[in-house]
Structures are given as structure tokens and as C-alpha cells.
mmCIF file of all heavy atoms, coordinates in Angstrom:
data_MODEL
# 
_entry.id   MODEL 
# 
loop_
_atom_site.group_PDB 
_atom_site.id 
_atom_site.type_symbol 
_atom_site.label_atom_id 
_atom_site.label_alt_id 
_atom_site.label_comp_id 
_atom_site.label_asym_id 
_atom_site.label_entity_id 
_atom_site.label_seq_id 
_atom_site.pdbx_PDB_ins_code 
_atom_site.Cartn_x 
_atom_site.Cartn_y 
_atom_site.Cartn_z 
_atom_site.occupancy 
_atom_site.B_iso_or_equiv 
_atom_site.pdbx_formal_charge 
_atom_site.auth_seq_id 
_atom_site.auth_comp_id 
_atom_site.auth_asym_id 
_atom_site.auth_atom_id 
_atom_site.pdbx_PDB_model_num 
ATOM 1   N N   . ALA A 1 1  ? 1.375   0.219  7.408  1.00 0.00 ? 1  ALA A N   1 
ATOM 2   C CA  . ALA A 1 1  ? 0.829   1.609  7.356  1.00 0.00 ? 1  ALA A CA  1 
ATOM 3   C C   . ALA A 1 1  ? -0.275  1.711  6.302  1.00 0.00 ? 1  ALA A C   1 
ATOM 4   O O   . ALA A 1 1  ? -1.321  2.346  6.547  1.00 0.00 ? 1  ALA A O   1 
ATOM 5   C CB  . ALA A 1 1  ? 1.966   2.586  7.070  1.00 0.00 ? 1  ALA A CB  1 
ATOM 6   N N   . ALA A 1 2  ? -0.046  1.101  5.168  1.00 0.00 ? 2  ALA A N   1 
ATOM 7   C CA  . ALA A 1 2  ? -1.004  1.204  4.054  1.00 0.00 ? 2  ALA A CA  1 
ATOM 8   C C   . ALA A 1 2  ? -2.345  0.555  4.411  1.00 0.00 ? 2  ALA A C   1 
ATOM 9   O O   . ALA A 1 2  ? -3.371  0.909  3.827  1.00 0.00 ? 2  ALA A O   1 
ATOM 10  C CB  . ALA A 1 2  ? -0.432  0.570  2.794  1.00 0.00 ? 2  ALA A CB  1 
ATOM 11  N N   . SER A 1 3  ? -2.329  -0.382 5.323  1.00 0.00 ? 3  SER A N   1 
ATOM 12  C CA  . SER A 1 3  ? -3.567  -1.077 5.715  1.00 0.00 ? 3  SER A CA  1 
ATOM 13  C C   . SER A 1 3  ? -4.445  -0.249 6.662  1.00 0.00 ? 3  SER A C   1 
ATOM 14  O O   . SER A 1 3  ? -5.556  -0.643 6.947  1.00 0.00 ? 3  SER A O   1 
ATOM 15  C CB  . SER A 1 3  ? -3.247  -2.436 6.326  1.00 0.00 ? 3  SER A CB  1 
ATOM 16  O OG  . SER A 1 3  ? -2.568  -2.249 7.586  1.00 0.00 ? 3  SER A OG  1 
ATOM 17  N N   . THR A 1 4  ? -3.912  0.885  7.141  1.00 0.00 ? 4  THR A N   1 
ATOM 18  C CA  . THR A 1 4  ? -4.664  1.720  8.068  1.00 0.00 ? 4  THR A CA  1 
ATOM 19  C C   . THR A 1 4  ? -5.492  2.718  7.286  1.00 0.00 ? 4  THR A C   1 
ATOM 20  O O   . THR A 1 4  ? -5.044  3.234  6.242  1.00 0.00 ? 4  THR A O   1 
ATOM 21  C CB  . THR A 1 4  ? -3.731  2.441  9.058  1.00 0.00 ? 4  THR A CB  1 
ATOM 22  O OG1 . THR A 1 4  ? -2.886  3.352  8.356  1.00 0.00 ? 4  THR A OG1 1 
ATOM 23  C CG2 . THR A 1 4  ? -2.883  1.394  9.811  1.00 0.00 ? 4  THR A CG2 1 
ATOM 24  N N   . PRO A 1 5  ? -6.679  3.111  7.797  1.00 0.00 ? 5  PRO A N   1 
ATOM 25  C CA  . PRO A 1 5  ? -7.511  4.075  7.101  1.00 0.00 ? 5  PRO A CA  1 
ATOM 26  C C   . PRO A 1 5  ? -6.908  5.465  6.930  1.00 0.00 ? 5  PRO A C   1 
ATOM 27  O O   . PRO A 1 5  ? -7.213  6.153  5.929  1.00 0.00 ? 5  PRO A O   1 
ATOM 28  C CB  . PRO A 1 5  ? -8.770  4.167  8.000  1.00 0.00 ? 5  PRO A CB  1 
ATOM 29  C CG  . PRO A 1 5  ? -8.758  2.912  8.774  1.00 0.00 ? 5  PRO A CG  1 
ATOM 30  C CD  . PRO A 1 5  ? -7.332  2.556  9.008  1.00 0.00 ? 5  PRO A CD  1 
ATOM 31  N N   . SER A 1 6  ? -6.008  5.842  7.822  1.00 0.00 ? 6  SER A N   1 
ATOM 32  C CA  . SER A 1 6  ? -5.447  7.199  7.766  1.00 0.00 ? 6  SER A CA  1 
ATOM 33  C C   . SER A 1 6  ? -4.441  7.362  6.650  1.00 0.00 ? 6  SER A C   1 
ATOM 34  O O   . SER A 1 6  ? -4.160  8.502  6.232  1.00 0.00 ? 6  SER A O   1 
ATOM 35  C CB  . SER A 1 6  ? -4.781  7.561  9.095  1.00 0.00 ? 6  SER A CB  1 
ATOM 36  O OG  . SER A 1 6  ? -3.703  6.660  9.383  1.00 0.00 ? 6  SER A OG  1 
ATOM 37  N N   . VAL A 1 7  ? -3.870  6.276  6.131  1.00 0.00 ? 7  VAL A N   1 
ATOM 38  C CA  . VAL A 1 7  ? -2.881  6.368  5.051  1.00 0.00 ? 7  VAL A CA  1 
ATOM 39  C C   . VAL A 1 7  ? -3.609  6.214  3.719  1.00 0.00 ? 7  VAL A C   1 
ATOM 40  O O   . VAL A 1 7  ? -4.209  5.170  3.450  1.00 0.00 ? 7  VAL A O   1 
ATOM 41  C CB  . VAL A 1 7  ? -1.796  5.282  5.231  1.00 0.00 ? 7  VAL A CB  1 
ATOM 42  C CG1 . VAL A 1 7  ? -0.886  5.258  4.019  1.00 0.00 ? 7  VAL A CG1 1 
ATOM 43  C CG2 . VAL A 1 7  ? -0.985  5.535  6.472  1.00 0.00 ? 7  VAL A CG2 1 
ATOM 44  N N   . THR A 1 8  ? -3.522  7.254  2.905  1.00 0.00 ? 8  THR A N   1 
ATOM 45  C CA  . THR A 1 8  ? -4.273  7.255  1.656  1.00 0.00 ? 8  THR A CA  1 
ATOM 46  C C   . THR A 1 8  ? -3.401  7.275  0.410  1.00 0.00 ? 8  THR A C   1 
ATOM 47  O O   . THR A 1 8  ? -3.897  7.117  -0.721 1.00 0.00 ? 8  THR A O   1 
ATOM 48  C CB  . THR A 1 8  ? -5.220  8.469  1.592  1.00 0.00 ? 8  THR A CB  1 
ATOM 49  O OG1 . THR A 1 8  ? -4.434  9.674  1.723  1.00 0.00 ? 8  THR A OG1 1 
ATOM 50  C CG2 . THR A 1 8  ? -6.248  8.385  2.746  1.00 0.00 ? 8  THR A CG2 1 
ATOM 51  N N   . ALA A 1 9  ? -2.086  7.519  0.575  1.00 0.00 ? 9  ALA A N   1 
ATOM 52  C CA  . ALA A 1 9  ? -1.185  7.594  -0.575 1.00 0.00 ? 9  ALA A CA  1 
ATOM 53  C C   . ALA A 1 9  ? 0.172   6.975  -0.178 1.00 0.00 ? 9  ALA A C   1 
ATOM 54  O O   . ALA A 1 9  ? 0.705   7.295  0.879  1.00 0.00 ? 9  ALA A O   1 
ATOM 55  C CB  . ALA A 1 9  ? -0.991  9.032  -0.992 1.00 0.00 ? 9  ALA A CB  1 
ATOM 56  N N   . VAL A 1 10 ? 0.692   6.132  -1.040 1.00 0.00 ? 10 VAL A N   1 
ATOM 57  C CA  . VAL A 1 10 ? 1.921   5.426  -0.781 1.00 0.00 ? 10 VAL A CA  1 
ATOM 58  C C   . VAL A 1 10 ? 2.735   5.352  -2.089 1.00 0.00 ? 10 VAL A C   1 
ATOM 59  O O   . VAL A 1 10 ? 2.182   5.189  -3.183 1.00 0.00 ? 10 VAL A O   1 
ATOM 60  C CB  . VAL A 1 10 ? 1.683   3.971  -0.286 1.00 0.00 ? 10 VAL A CB  1 
ATOM 61  C CG1 . VAL A 1 10 ? 2.983   3.193  -0.205 1.00 0.00 ? 10 VAL A CG1 1 
ATOM 62  C CG2 . VAL A 1 10 ? 0.994   3.994  1.050  1.00 0.00 ? 10 VAL A CG2 1 
ATOM 63  N N   . THR A 1 11 ? 4.056   5.505  -1.956 1.00 0.00 ? 11 THR A N   1 
ATOM 64  C CA  . THR A 1 11 ? 4.954   5.282  -3.082 1.00 0.00 ? 11 THR A CA  1 
ATOM 65  C C   . THR A 1 11 ? 5.975   4.272  -2.638 1.00 0.00 ? 11 THR A C   1 
ATOM 66  O O   . THR A 1 11 ? 6.632   4.435  -1.594 1.00 0.00 ? 11 THR A O   1 
ATOM 67  C CB  . THR A 1 11 ? 5.660   6.563  -3.519 1.00 0.00 ? 11 THR A CB  1 
ATOM 68  O OG1 . THR A 1 11 ? 4.664   7.565  -3.804 1.00 0.00 ? 11 THR A OG1 1 
ATOM 69  C CG2 . THR A 1 11 ? 6.509   6.332  -4.752 1.00 0.00 ? 11 THR A CG2 1 
ATOM 70  N N   . THR A 1 12 ? 6.149   3.195  -3.436 1.00 0.00 ? 12 THR A N   1 
ATOM 71  C CA  . THR A 1 12 ? 7.084   2.145  -3.001 1.00 0.00 ? 12 THR A CA  1 
ATOM 72  C C   . THR A 1 12 ? 7.491   1.291  -4.199 1.00 0.00 ? 12 THR A C   1 
ATOM 73  O O   . THR A 1 12 ? 7.182   1.617  -5.369 1.00 0.00 ? 12 THR A O   1 
ATOM 74  C CB  . THR A 1 12 ? 6.457   1.279  -1.893 1.00 0.00 ? 12 THR A CB  1 
ATOM 75  O OG1 . THR A 1 12 ? 7.471   0.371  -1.369 1.00 0.00 ? 12 THR A OG1 1 
ATOM 76  C CG2 . THR A 1 12 ? 5.266   0.449  -2.434 1.00 0.00 ? 12 THR A CG2 1 
ATOM 77  N N   . TRP A 1 13 ? 8.209   0.209  -3.937 1.00 0.00 ? 13 TRP A N   1 
ATOM 78  C CA  . TRP A 1 13 ? 8.714   -0.664 -4.963 1.00 0.00 ? 13 TRP A CA  1 
ATOM 79  C C   . TRP A 1 13 ? 8.267   -2.113 -4.682 1.00 0.00 ? 13 TRP A C   1 
ATOM 80  O O   . TRP A 1 13 ? 7.754   -2.404 -3.613 1.00 0.00 ? 13 TRP A O   1 
ATOM 81  C CB  . TRP A 1 13 ? 10.263  -0.621 -5.028 1.00 0.00 ? 13 TRP A CB  1 
ATOM 82  C CG  . TRP A 1 13 ? 10.919  -0.893 -3.674 1.00 0.00 ? 13 TRP A CG  1 
ATOM 83  C CD1 . TRP A 1 13 ? 11.092  -2.095 -3.055 1.00 0.00 ? 13 TRP A CD1 1 
ATOM 84  C CD2 . TRP A 1 13 ? 11.454  0.088  -2.791 1.00 0.00 ? 13 TRP A CD2 1 
ATOM 85  N NE1 . TRP A 1 13 ? 11.733  -1.961 -1.844 1.00 0.00 ? 13 TRP A NE1 1 
ATOM 86  C CE2 . TRP A 1 13 ? 11.966  -0.608 -1.623 1.00 0.00 ? 13 TRP A CE2 1 
ATOM 87  C CE3 . TRP A 1 13 ? 11.603  1.467  -2.852 1.00 0.00 ? 13 TRP A CE3 1 
ATOM 88  C CZ2 . TRP A 1 13 ? 12.573  0.058  -0.568 1.00 0.00 ? 13 TRP A CZ2 1 
ATOM 89  C CZ3 . TRP A 1 13 ? 12.205  2.125  -1.756 1.00 0.00 ? 13 TRP A CZ3 1 
ATOM 90  C CH2 . TRP A 1 13 ? 12.650  1.421  -0.658 1.00 0.00 ? 13 TRP A CH2 1 
ATOM 91  N N   . ASN A 1 14 ? 8.461   -2.972 -5.656 1.00 0.00 ? 14 ASN A N   1 
ATOM 92  C CA  . ASN A 1 14 ? 8.091   -4.391 -5.483 1.00 0.00 ? 14 ASN A CA  1 
ATOM 93  C C   . ASN A 1 14 ? 9.099   -5.101 -4.582 1.00 0.00 ? 14 ASN A C   1 
ATOM 94  O O   . ASN A 1 14 ? 10.251  -4.751 -4.551 1.00 0.00 ? 14 ASN A O   1 
ATOM 95  C CB  . ASN A 1 14 ? 8.027   -5.072 -6.842 1.00 0.00 ? 14 ASN A CB  1 
ATOM 96  C CG  . ASN A 1 14 ? 6.666   -5.042 -7.449 1.00 0.00 ? 14 ASN A CG  1 
ATOM 97  O OD1 . ASN A 1 14 ? 5.635   -5.120 -6.725 1.00 0.00 ? 14 ASN A OD1 1 
ATOM 98  N ND2 . ASN A 1 14 ? 6.573   -4.861 -8.756 1.00 0.00 ? 14 ASN A ND2 1 
ATOM 99  N N   . PRO A 1 15 ? 8.623   -6.120 -3.849 1.00 0.00 ? 15 PRO A N   1 
ATOM 100 C CA  . PRO A 1 15 ? 7.279   -6.715 -3.852 1.00 0.00 ? 15 PRO A CA  1 
ATOM 101 C C   . PRO A 1 15 ? 6.237   -5.984 -3.020 1.00 0.00 ? 15 PRO A C   1 
ATOM 102 O O   . PRO A 1 15 ? 5.074   -6.325 -3.034 1.00 0.00 ? 15 PRO A O   1 
ATOM 103 C CB  . PRO A 1 15 ? 7.533   -8.086 -3.278 1.00 0.00 ? 15 PRO A CB  1 
ATOM 104 C CG  . PRO A 1 15 ? 8.664   -7.909 -2.323 1.00 0.00 ? 15 PRO A CG  1 
ATOM 105 C CD  . PRO A 1 15 ? 9.574   -6.899 -2.978 1.00 0.00 ? 15 PRO A CD  1 
ATOM 106 N N   . LEU A 1 16 ? 6.632   -4.907 -2.276 1.00 0.00 ? 16 LEU A N   1 
ATOM 107 C CA  . LEU A 1 16 ? 5.679   -4.177 -1.469 1.00 0.00 ? 16 LEU A CA  1 
ATOM 108 C C   . LEU A 1 16 ? 4.598   -3.552 -2.335 1.00 0.00 ? 16 LEU A C   1 
ATOM 109 O O   . LEU A 1 16 ? 3.415   -3.515 -1.919 1.00 0.00 ? 16 LEU A O   1 
ATOM 110 C CB  . LEU A 1 16 ? 6.394   -3.068 -0.686 1.00 0.00 ? 16 LEU A CB  1 
ATOM 111 C CG  . LEU A 1 16 ? 7.581   -3.493 0.199  1.00 0.00 ? 16 LEU A CG  1 
ATOM 112 C CD1 . LEU A 1 16 ? 8.190   -2.267 0.868  1.00 0.00 ? 16 LEU A CD1 1 
ATOM 113 C CD2 . LEU A 1 16 ? 7.173   -4.528 1.206  1.00 0.00 ? 16 LEU A CD2 1 
ATOM 114 N N   . LEU A 1 17 ? 4.956   -3.054 -3.487 1.00 0.00 ? 17 LEU A N   1 
ATOM 115 C CA  . LEU A 1 17 ? 3.998   -2.419 -4.410 1.00 0.00 ? 17 LEU A CA  1 
ATOM 116 C C   . LEU A 1 17 ? 2.838   -3.328 -4.715 1.00 0.00 ? 17 LEU A C   1 
ATOM 117 O O   . LEU A 1 17 ? 1.661   -2.934 -4.573 1.00 0.00 ? 17 LEU A O   1 
ATOM 118 C CB  . LEU A 1 17 ? 4.720   -1.982 -5.667 1.00 0.00 ? 17 LEU A CB  1 
ATOM 119 C CG  . LEU A 1 17 ? 3.872   -1.230 -6.724 1.00 0.00 ? 17 LEU A CG  1 
ATOM 120 C CD1 . LEU A 1 17 ? 3.525   0.162  -6.224 1.00 0.00 ? 17 LEU A CD1 1 
ATOM 121 C CD2 . LEU A 1 17 ? 4.620   -1.145 -8.040 1.00 0.00 ? 17 LEU A CD2 1 
ATOM 122 N N   . ASN A 1 18 ? 3.128   -4.537 -5.133 1.00 0.00 ? 18 ASN A N   1 
ATOM 123 C CA  . ASN A 1 18 ? 2.049   -5.460 -5.516 1.00 0.00 ? 18 ASN A CA  1 
ATOM 124 C C   . ASN A 1 18 ? 1.214   -5.860 -4.287 1.00 0.00 ? 18 ASN A C   1 
ATOM 125 O O   . ASN A 1 18 ? 0.002   -6.078 -4.369 1.00 0.00 ? 18 ASN A O   1 
ATOM 126 C CB  . ASN A 1 18 ? 2.617   -6.715 -6.176 1.00 0.00 ? 18 ASN A CB  1 
ATOM 127 C CG  . ASN A 1 18 ? 3.066   -6.431 -7.594 1.00 0.00 ? 18 ASN A CG  1 
ATOM 128 O OD1 . ASN A 1 18 ? 2.596   -5.508 -8.252 1.00 0.00 ? 18 ASN A OD1 1 
ATOM 129 N ND2 . ASN A 1 18 ? 4.016   -7.234 -8.098 1.00 0.00 ? 18 ASN A ND2 1 
ATOM 130 N N   . GLU A 1 19 ? 1.875   -5.968 -3.124 1.00 0.00 ? 19 GLU A N   1 
ATOM 131 C CA  . GLU A 1 19 ? 1.136   -6.370 -1.907 1.00 0.00 ? 19 GLU A CA  1 
ATOM 132 C C   . GLU A 1 19 ? 0.167   -5.279 -1.496 1.00 0.00 ? 19 GLU A C   1 
ATOM 133 O O   . GLU A 1 19 ? -1.020  -5.570 -1.163 1.00 0.00 ? 19 GLU A O   1 
ATOM 134 C CB  . GLU A 1 19 ? 2.131   -6.597 -0.777 1.00 0.00 ? 19 GLU A CB  1 
ATOM 135 C CG  . GLU A 1 19 ? 1.516   -7.248 0.455  1.00 0.00 ? 19 GLU A CG  1 
ATOM 136 C CD  . GLU A 1 19 ? 2.514   -7.686 1.476  1.00 0.00 ? 19 GLU A CD  1 
ATOM 137 O OE1 . GLU A 1 19 ? 3.728   -7.669 1.170  1.00 0.00 ? 19 GLU A OE1 1 
ATOM 138 O OE2 . GLU A 1 19 ? 2.114   -8.060 2.592  1.00 0.00 ? 19 GLU A OE2 1 
ATOM 139 N N   . ILE A 1 20 ? 0.581   -4.023 -1.558 1.00 0.00 ? 20 ILE A N   1 
ATOM 140 C CA  . ILE A 1 20 ? -0.339  -2.935 -1.218 1.00 0.00 ? 20 ILE A CA  1 
ATOM 141 C C   . ILE A 1 20 ? -1.433  -2.744 -2.274 1.00 0.00 ? 20 ILE A C   1 
ATOM 142 O O   . ILE A 1 20 ? -2.572  -2.454 -1.964 1.00 0.00 ? 20 ILE A O   1 
ATOM 143 C CB  . ILE A 1 20 ? 0.465   -1.639 -0.987 1.00 0.00 ? 20 ILE A CB  1 
ATOM 144 C CG1 . ILE A 1 20 ? 1.420   -1.801 0.188  1.00 0.00 ? 20 ILE A CG1 1 
ATOM 145 C CG2 . ILE A 1 20 ? -0.447  -0.435 -0.734 1.00 0.00 ? 20 ILE A CG2 1 
ATOM 146 C CD1 . ILE A 1 20 ? 2.424   -0.668 0.386  1.00 0.00 ? 20 ILE A CD1 1 
ATOM 147 N N   . LEU A 1 21 ? -1.027  -2.919 -3.499 1.00 0.00 ? 21 LEU A N   1 
ATOM 148 C CA  . LEU A 1 21 ? -2.010  -2.745 -4.625 1.00 0.00 ? 21 LEU A CA  1 
ATOM 149 C C   . LEU A 1 21 ? -3.168  -3.775 -4.492 1.00 0.00 ? 21 LEU A C   1 
ATOM 150 O O   . LEU A 1 21 ? -4.267  -3.521 -4.963 1.00 0.00 ? 21 LEU A O   1 
ATOM 151 C CB  . LEU A 1 21 ? -1.286  -2.940 -5.953 1.00 0.00 ? 21 LEU A CB  1 
ATOM 152 C CG  . LEU A 1 21 ? -2.115  -2.734 -7.236 1.00 0.00 ? 21 LEU A CG  1 
ATOM 153 C CD1 . LEU A 1 21 ? -2.764  -1.332 -7.247 1.00 0.00 ? 21 LEU A CD1 1 
ATOM 154 C CD2 . LEU A 1 21 ? -1.251  -2.944 -8.483 1.00 0.00 ? 21 LEU A CD2 1 
ATOM 155 N N   . SER A 1 22 ? -2.892  -4.917 -3.854 1.00 0.00 ? 22 SER A N   1 
ATOM 156 C CA  . SER A 1 22 ? -3.937  -5.912 -3.697 1.00 0.00 ? 22 SER A CA  1 
ATOM 157 C C   . SER A 1 22 ? -4.953  -5.565 -2.618 1.00 0.00 ? 22 SER A C   1 
ATOM 158 O O   . SER A 1 22 ? -5.965  -6.236 -2.470 1.00 0.00 ? 22 SER A O   1 
ATOM 159 C CB  . SER A 1 22 ? -3.301  -7.280 -3.328 1.00 0.00 ? 22 SER A CB  1 
ATOM 160 O OG  . SER A 1 22 ? -2.727  -7.250 -2.049 1.00 0.00 ? 22 SER A OG  1 
ATOM 161 N N   . MET A 1 23 ? -4.688  -4.495 -1.867 1.00 0.00 ? 23 MET A N   1 
ATOM 162 C CA  . MET A 1 23 ? -5.630  -4.047 -0.824 1.00 0.00 ? 23 MET A CA  1 
ATOM 163 C C   . MET A 1 23 ? -6.875  -3.424 -1.457 1.00 0.00 ? 23 MET A C   1 
ATOM 164 O O   . MET A 1 23 ? -6.803  -2.852 -2.557 1.00 0.00 ? 23 MET A O   1 
ATOM 165 C CB  . MET A 1 23 ? -4.955  -3.056 0.126  1.00 0.00 ? 23 MET A CB  1 
ATOM 166 C CG  . MET A 1 23 ? -3.798  -3.652 0.909  1.00 0.00 ? 23 MET A CG  1 
ATOM 167 S SD  . MET A 1 23 ? -3.012  -2.416 1.989  1.00 0.00 ? 23 MET A SD  1 
ATOM 168 C CE  . MET A 1 23 ? -1.711  -3.465 2.702  1.00 0.00 ? 23 MET A CE  1 
ATOM 169 N N   . PRO A 1 24 ? -8.046  -3.516 -0.810 1.00 0.00 ? 24 PRO A N   1 
ATOM 170 C CA  . PRO A 1 24 ? -9.285  -2.964 -1.364 1.00 0.00 ? 24 PRO A CA  1 
ATOM 171 C C   . PRO A 1 24 ? -9.201  -1.482 -1.705 1.00 0.00 ? 24 PRO A C   1 
ATOM 172 O O   . PRO A 1 24 ? -8.585  -0.700 -0.961 1.00 0.00 ? 24 PRO A O   1 
ATOM 173 C CB  . PRO A 1 24 ? -10.307 -3.233 -0.258 1.00 0.00 ? 24 PRO A CB  1 
ATOM 174 C CG  . PRO A 1 24 ? -9.708  -4.324 0.567  1.00 0.00 ? 24 PRO A CG  1 
ATOM 175 C CD  . PRO A 1 24 ? -8.228  -4.158 0.496  1.00 0.00 ? 24 PRO A CD  1 
# 
């Protein structure tokens, strides 16, 4: 979901947090 343009805000935990944080 975080990789799609329509999603602009996410709250989560690791390891998902670091994976999404690495996105542009």
C-alpha cells in the first residue's frame, strides 16, 4: 500500500517501518 501514490501516511512497526522508510 505504501508503494502506491495514493497512500501518503503510514504508521507501523519494524521491520515494515524500515522497509517503507527506504522508499523515495
